[in-house]
Amino acid sequence: MNPGVLEDISRLEAHHWWYRGLRGAIAGILDRLELADRPAVLDAGCGTGMNLLRLRELLAPRHLEGFDLDPAAVAFAREKLGGDAHLYRDDITAPSRTGPPLDLVVSCDVLNIMGLEGARGGLEALVDRLSPNGLLVLNLPALEWLRGPHDDAVHGTRRFALSEVERFLNSLGLSVERASYRLLPLLPALAAYRLAARWRPRPTADRARSDLEQGFGGPTHAILSAILAGENALLSRGVRMPLGSSITVAARKPAGPQFPLRPSEEFP
């Protein structure tokens, strides 16, 4: 990420409408899908830890784990979670540690940095760790023509179509149970804003800052939060949005014998 972006995210994500909407979407999906009681949970690319904090509150997991490639992100996450989670530096393209079998792996807005195929080996290793019937939940930025300052700020190289994400998950041996675009009600305004921004002077990619602060605060923030809460209620029931600026999917590992874990460094 560009300098300062991680600090911006840590400051905003507890209350910002976009981050709250993301956590609400994941919570709604998990509430409707079969999941083990007190599951073992991993956030792959945990950022500054707010998603892990919400998963802890929501699921009371028996094991909570997160990693991120950025050591500063791991430090932010430790401040939020204390000693309640195994937090460490690692790379989603080639995770180096194993631990107990997992019931849920979550990864939000990470695979856009290296692309799906760039992360295939790492995701195969994480699927190896999933227990039979375990879930992989992903959130990804959608629609390449919506690329904007936030993509530059977080070094995102890809935005995705829903069909390609579903095909990729199927190629990992997973069965897709929920798959939809998100933020459909906001798409016209976002598209107009992002397309208009291309005609305005903007910093070079290495100096870009996220534009997520637009619409944060006051009545606009409350309205956007309410809109996303309504959309999330539909998504939790399996409604599939035809378009949107994000993609959220939940895919399940088939029941059956557990695959062997790859040799790697174990937790102490």
Protein backbone atom coordinates (compact mmCIF):
# COMPACT_ATOMS: atom_id res chain seq x y z
CA MET A 1 0.00 0.00 0.00
CA ASN A 2 1.05 3.59 -0.49
CA PRO A 3 2.32 5.47 2.59
CA GLY A 4 -0.45 6.54 4.91
CA VAL A 5 -3.17 4.33 3.39
CA LEU A 6 -2.98 1.68 6.11
CA GLU A 7 -3.36 4.34 8.80
CA ASP A 8 -6.39 5.74 6.92
CA ILE A 9 -8.00 2.29 6.83
CA SER A 10 -7.39 1.64 10.52
CA ARG A 11 -8.93 5.02 11.35
CA LEU A 12 -12.01 4.59 9.16
CA GLU A 13 -12.96 0.92 9.15
CA ALA A 14 -14.78 0.72 12.49
CA HIS A 15 -17.46 3.20 11.43
CA HIS A 16 -17.23 3.85 7.69
CA TRP A 17 -20.31 2.80 5.69
CA TRP A 18 -18.28 0.76 3.17
CA TYR A 19 -16.44 -1.32 5.76
CA ARG A 20 -19.58 -1.75 7.88
CA GLY A 21 -21.43 -2.88 4.77
CA LEU A 22 -18.75 -5.46 4.01
CA ARG A 23 -18.85 -6.88 7.53
CA GLY A 24 -22.64 -6.93 7.42
CA ALA A 25 -22.63 -8.84 4.13
CA ILE A 26 -20.28 -11.50 5.51
CA ALA A 27 -22.24 -11.78 8.76
CA GLY A 28 -25.53 -12.19 6.88
CA ILE A 29 -24.13 -14.91 4.65
CA LEU A 30 -22.59 -16.83 7.54
CA ASP A 31 -25.85 -16.61 9.46
CA ARG A 32 -27.63 -18.47 6.66
CA LEU A 33 -25.02 -21.11 5.80
CA GLU A 34 -24.10 -24.24 7.72
CA LEU A 35 -21.00 -23.69 9.86
CA ALA A 36 -19.50 -25.64 12.74
CA ASP A 37 -20.24 -24.43 16.27
CA ARG A 38 -17.37 -22.35 17.64
CA PRO A 39 -15.47 -22.72 14.35
CA ALA A 40 -11.76 -22.44 13.71
CA VAL A 41 -11.36 -19.25 11.65
CA LEU A 42 -8.60 -17.69 9.52
CA ASP A 43 -8.55 -14.25 7.92
CA ALA A 44 -6.02 -14.47 5.08
CA GLY A 45 -4.79 -10.93 4.53
CA CYS A 46 -6.33 -9.63 7.74
CA GLY A 47 -5.29 -6.00 7.29
CA THR A 48 -5.69 -3.97 10.47
CA GLY A 49 -7.90 -6.59 12.12
CA MET A 50 -11.45 -5.23 12.13
CA ASN A 51 -12.90 -8.20 10.23
CA LEU A 52 -11.26 -10.58 12.71
CA LEU A 53 -12.75 -8.56 15.56
CA ARG A 54 -16.23 -8.90 14.02
CA LEU A 55 -15.77 -12.62 13.40
CA ARG A 56 -14.75 -13.08 17.03
CA GLU A 57 -17.90 -11.31 18.21
CA LEU A 58 -20.13 -13.14 15.75
CA LEU A 59 -18.86 -16.72 15.99
CA ALA A 60 -17.06 -17.10 19.36
CA PRO A 61 -14.45 -19.23 17.54
CA ARG A 62 -12.41 -21.84 19.35
CA HIS A 63 -9.44 -20.79 17.20
CA LEU A 64 -8.92 -17.38 15.60
CA GLU A 65 -6.03 -16.72 13.25
CA GLY A 66 -4.96 -14.01 10.86
CA PHE A 67 -2.00 -13.06 8.74
CA ASP A 68 -0.95 -10.18 6.54
CA LEU A 69 2.12 -9.46 4.45
CA ASP A 70 2.47 -5.96 5.92
CA PRO A 71 4.01 -6.03 9.42
CA ALA A 72 2.33 -2.70 10.24
CA ALA A 73 -1.07 -4.25 9.52
CA VAL A 74 -0.29 -7.12 11.87
CA ALA A 75 0.67 -4.61 14.56
CA PHE A 76 -2.65 -2.77 14.14
CA ALA A 77 -4.51 -6.07 14.36
CA ARG A 78 -2.70 -7.01 17.57
CA GLU A 79 -3.78 -3.70 19.12
CA LYS A 80 -7.41 -4.54 18.34
CA LEU A 81 -7.42 -8.21 19.31
CA GLY A 82 -4.84 -8.48 22.06
CA GLY A 83 -3.91 -12.09 22.68
CA ASP A 84 -7.21 -13.52 21.41
CA ALA A 85 -5.86 -14.45 17.96
CA HIS A 86 -2.78 -16.00 16.37
CA LEU A 87 -1.51 -13.07 14.28
CA TYR A 88 1.59 -13.23 12.12
CA ARG A 89 3.19 -12.03 8.91
CA ASP A 90 2.67 -14.27 5.90
CA ASP A 91 1.92 -14.21 2.18
CA ILE A 92 -1.38 -15.46 0.75
CA THR A 93 0.42 -16.57 -2.42
CA ALA A 94 2.58 -19.02 -0.41
CA PRO A 95 1.46 -19.32 3.24
CA SER A 96 4.29 -20.78 5.30
CA ARG A 97 2.46 -21.92 8.43
CA THR A 98 -0.10 -24.53 9.26
CA GLY A 99 -2.23 -24.90 12.36
CA PRO A 100 -5.39 -26.76 13.25
CA PRO A 101 -7.89 -27.63 10.53
CA LEU A 102 -10.11 -24.68 9.70
CA ASP A 103 -13.88 -24.40 9.39
CA LEU A 104 -13.84 -20.92 7.81
CA VAL A 105 -11.29 -19.00 5.75
CA VAL A 106 -12.11 -15.37 4.94
CA SER A 107 -10.13 -13.11 2.62
CA CYS A 108 -11.33 -9.60 1.80
CA ASP A 109 -9.92 -7.44 -0.98
CA VAL A 110 -6.53 -9.13 -1.13
CA LEU A 111 -6.59 -11.18 -4.34
CA ASN A 112 -6.96 -8.03 -6.44
CA ILE A 113 -3.29 -7.29 -5.71
CA MET A 114 -1.83 -10.40 -7.38
CA GLY A 115 -4.84 -11.81 -9.30
CA LEU A 116 -6.58 -15.14 -8.88
CA GLU A 117 -3.98 -17.22 -10.70
CA GLY A 118 -1.18 -15.45 -8.86
CA ALA A 119 -2.67 -16.68 -5.59
CA ARG A 120 -3.66 -20.16 -6.78
CA GLY A 121 -0.91 -22.06 -4.96
CA GLY A 122 -1.56 -20.26 -1.71
CA LEU A 123 -5.31 -20.74 -1.94
CA GLU A 124 -4.83 -24.44 -2.66
CA ALA A 125 -2.81 -24.65 0.57
CA LEU A 126 -5.59 -22.89 2.48
CA VAL A 127 -8.21 -25.19 0.98
CA ASP A 128 -6.03 -28.10 2.15
CA ARG A 129 -6.43 -26.75 5.68
CA LEU A 130 -10.20 -26.48 5.42
CA SER A 131 -12.09 -29.24 7.16
CA PRO A 132 -14.56 -31.19 5.01
CA ASN A 133 -17.66 -29.00 4.70
CA GLY A 134 -15.61 -25.90 5.56
CA LEU A 135 -16.24 -22.53 3.91
CA LEU A 136 -14.07 -20.10 1.97
CA VAL A 137 -15.52 -16.56 1.84
CA LEU A 138 -14.03 -13.94 -0.47
CA ASN A 139 -14.71 -10.28 -1.13
CA LEU A 140 -13.21 -8.73 -4.25
CA PRO A 141 -13.46 -5.46 -6.20
CA ALA A 142 -15.58 -5.80 -9.34
CA LEU A 143 -15.68 -4.40 -12.86
CA GLU A 144 -12.39 -3.25 -14.32
CA TRP A 145 -13.91 -0.05 -15.71
CA LEU A 146 -14.55 1.10 -12.11
CA ARG A 147 -10.81 1.34 -11.40
CA GLY A 148 -10.02 4.46 -9.36
CA PRO A 149 -7.74 6.04 -6.74
CA HIS A 150 -8.47 3.37 -4.12
CA ASP A 151 -7.13 0.65 -6.45
CA ASP A 152 -3.94 2.65 -6.98
CA ALA A 153 -3.56 3.36 -3.27
CA VAL A 154 -3.74 -0.31 -2.24
CA HIS A 155 -1.73 -1.48 -5.29
CA GLY A 156 -4.67 -3.39 -6.74
CA THR A 157 -3.94 -4.73 -10.21
CA ARG A 158 -7.28 -6.41 -10.97
CA ARG A 159 -11.01 -5.98 -10.64
CA PHE A 160 -13.11 -9.04 -11.39
CA ALA A 161 -16.23 -10.37 -13.03
CA LEU A 162 -18.40 -12.67 -10.94
CA SER A 163 -18.33 -15.50 -13.49
CA GLU A 164 -14.52 -15.71 -13.48
CA VAL A 165 -14.44 -15.88 -9.66
CA GLU A 166 -16.98 -18.70 -9.65
CA ARG A 167 -15.03 -20.65 -12.28
CA PHE A 168 -11.83 -20.19 -10.31
CA LEU A 169 -13.39 -21.48 -7.07
CA ASN A 170 -14.81 -24.48 -8.91
CA SER A 171 -11.29 -25.20 -10.20
CA LEU A 172 -10.14 -25.40 -6.58
CA GLY A 173 -12.66 -28.20 -5.99
CA LEU A 174 -15.11 -25.97 -4.10
CA SER A 175 -18.87 -25.72 -4.50
CA VAL A 176 -20.15 -22.13 -4.68
CA GLU A 177 -23.11 -21.60 -2.31
CA ARG A 178 -23.43 -17.80 -2.38
CA ALA A 179 -22.16 -15.54 -5.15
CA SER A 180 -23.24 -12.03 -5.96
CA TYR A 181 -22.15 -8.58 -6.88
CA ARG A 182 -22.68 -6.02 -4.10
CA LEU A 183 -23.34 -2.28 -3.78
CA LEU A 184 -25.73 -2.29 -6.73
CA PRO A 185 -27.80 0.67 -5.43
CA LEU A 186 -24.66 2.82 -5.33
CA LEU A 187 -23.30 1.74 -8.70
CA PRO A 188 -24.66 4.63 -10.82
CA ALA A 189 -23.24 7.28 -8.47
CA LEU A 190 -19.91 5.47 -8.11
CA ALA A 191 -19.60 4.94 -11.86
CA ALA A 192 -20.28 8.63 -12.52
CA TYR A 193 -17.77 9.68 -9.87
CA ARG A 194 -15.02 7.32 -11.03
CA LEU A 195 -15.48 8.06 -14.72
CA ALA A 196 -15.55 11.82 -14.12
CA ALA A 197 -12.36 11.50 -12.02
CA ARG A 198 -10.48 10.35 -15.10
CA TRP A 199 -10.80 13.85 -16.53
CA ARG A 200 -9.51 15.56 -13.39
CA PRO A 201 -5.84 15.90 -12.44
CA ARG A 202 -4.84 13.09 -10.10
CA PRO A 203 -1.68 11.95 -8.35
CA THR A 204 0.54 9.30 -9.83
CA ALA A 205 -0.25 5.75 -8.70
CA ASP A 206 2.57 5.74 -6.15
CA ARG A 207 1.11 8.83 -4.45
CA ALA A 208 -2.59 7.95 -4.68
CA ARG A 209 -4.79 7.92 -1.58
CA SER A 210 -8.09 6.10 -1.23
CA ASP A 211 -11.25 7.97 -2.18
CA LEU A 212 -13.38 6.00 0.29
CA GLU A 213 -13.60 9.02 2.58
CA GLN A 214 -16.05 10.57 0.12
CA GLY A 215 -19.52 10.50 1.69
CA PHE A 216 -18.22 9.70 5.16
CA GLY A 217 -19.91 11.59 7.96
CA GLY A 218 -23.29 13.22 8.57
CA PRO A 219 -26.54 12.23 6.87
CA THR A 220 -24.83 10.85 3.75
CA HIS A 221 -23.03 8.27 5.85
CA ALA A 222 -26.28 7.25 7.58
CA ILE A 223 -28.15 6.95 4.27
CA LEU A 224 -25.44 4.84 2.64
CA SER A 225 -25.23 2.58 5.70
CA ALA A 226 -29.00 2.02 5.59
CA ILE A 227 -28.94 1.24 1.86
CA LEU A 228 -26.24 -1.39 2.32
CA ALA A 229 -28.03 -2.91 5.31
CA GLY A 230 -31.07 -3.43 3.09
CA GLU A 231 -29.01 -4.94 0.30
CA ASN A 232 -27.24 -7.24 2.77
CA ALA A 233 -30.58 -8.56 3.99
CA LEU A 234 -31.34 -9.64 0.41
CA LEU A 235 -27.89 -11.13 -0.13
CA SER A 236 -28.19 -13.22 3.02
CA ARG A 237 -31.31 -14.82 1.52
CA GLY A 238 -29.45 -15.79 -1.63
CA VAL A 239 -30.58 -12.93 -3.89
CA ARG A 240 -28.02 -12.44 -6.65
CA MET A 241 -27.34 -8.86 -7.72
CA PRO A 242 -26.67 -8.50 -11.47
CA LEU A 243 -23.93 -5.86 -11.05
CA GLY A 244 -22.06 -3.98 -8.35
CA SER A 245 -18.68 -2.59 -7.42
CA SER A 246 -17.79 -5.54 -5.18
CA ILE A 247 -18.16 -9.32 -5.33
CA THR A 248 -18.83 -11.54 -2.33
CA VAL A 249 -18.76 -15.33 -2.63
CA ALA A 250 -18.97 -18.26 -0.24
CA ALA A 251 -17.76 -21.67 -1.43
CA ARG A 252 -17.74 -24.97 0.41
CA LYS A 253 -15.23 -27.78 0.50
CA PRO A 254 -16.94 -31.10 -0.17
CA ALA A 255 -17.49 -33.45 2.73
CA GLY A 256 -15.12 -36.40 2.71
CA PRO A 257 -11.64 -37.41 3.84
CA GLN A 258 -9.46 -34.46 4.81
CA PHE A 259 -6.59 -33.72 2.44
CA PRO A 260 -3.12 -33.91 4.01
CA LEU A 261 -1.60 -30.62 5.08
CA ARG A 262 1.45 -29.40 3.23
CA PRO A 263 4.71 -29.55 5.20
CA SER A 264 5.45 -26.14 6.70
CA GLU A 265 6.23 -24.32 9.90
CA GLU A 266 3.81 -25.26 12.69
CA PHE A 267 2.50 -22.91 15.34
CA PRO A 268 4.53 -23.15 18.53
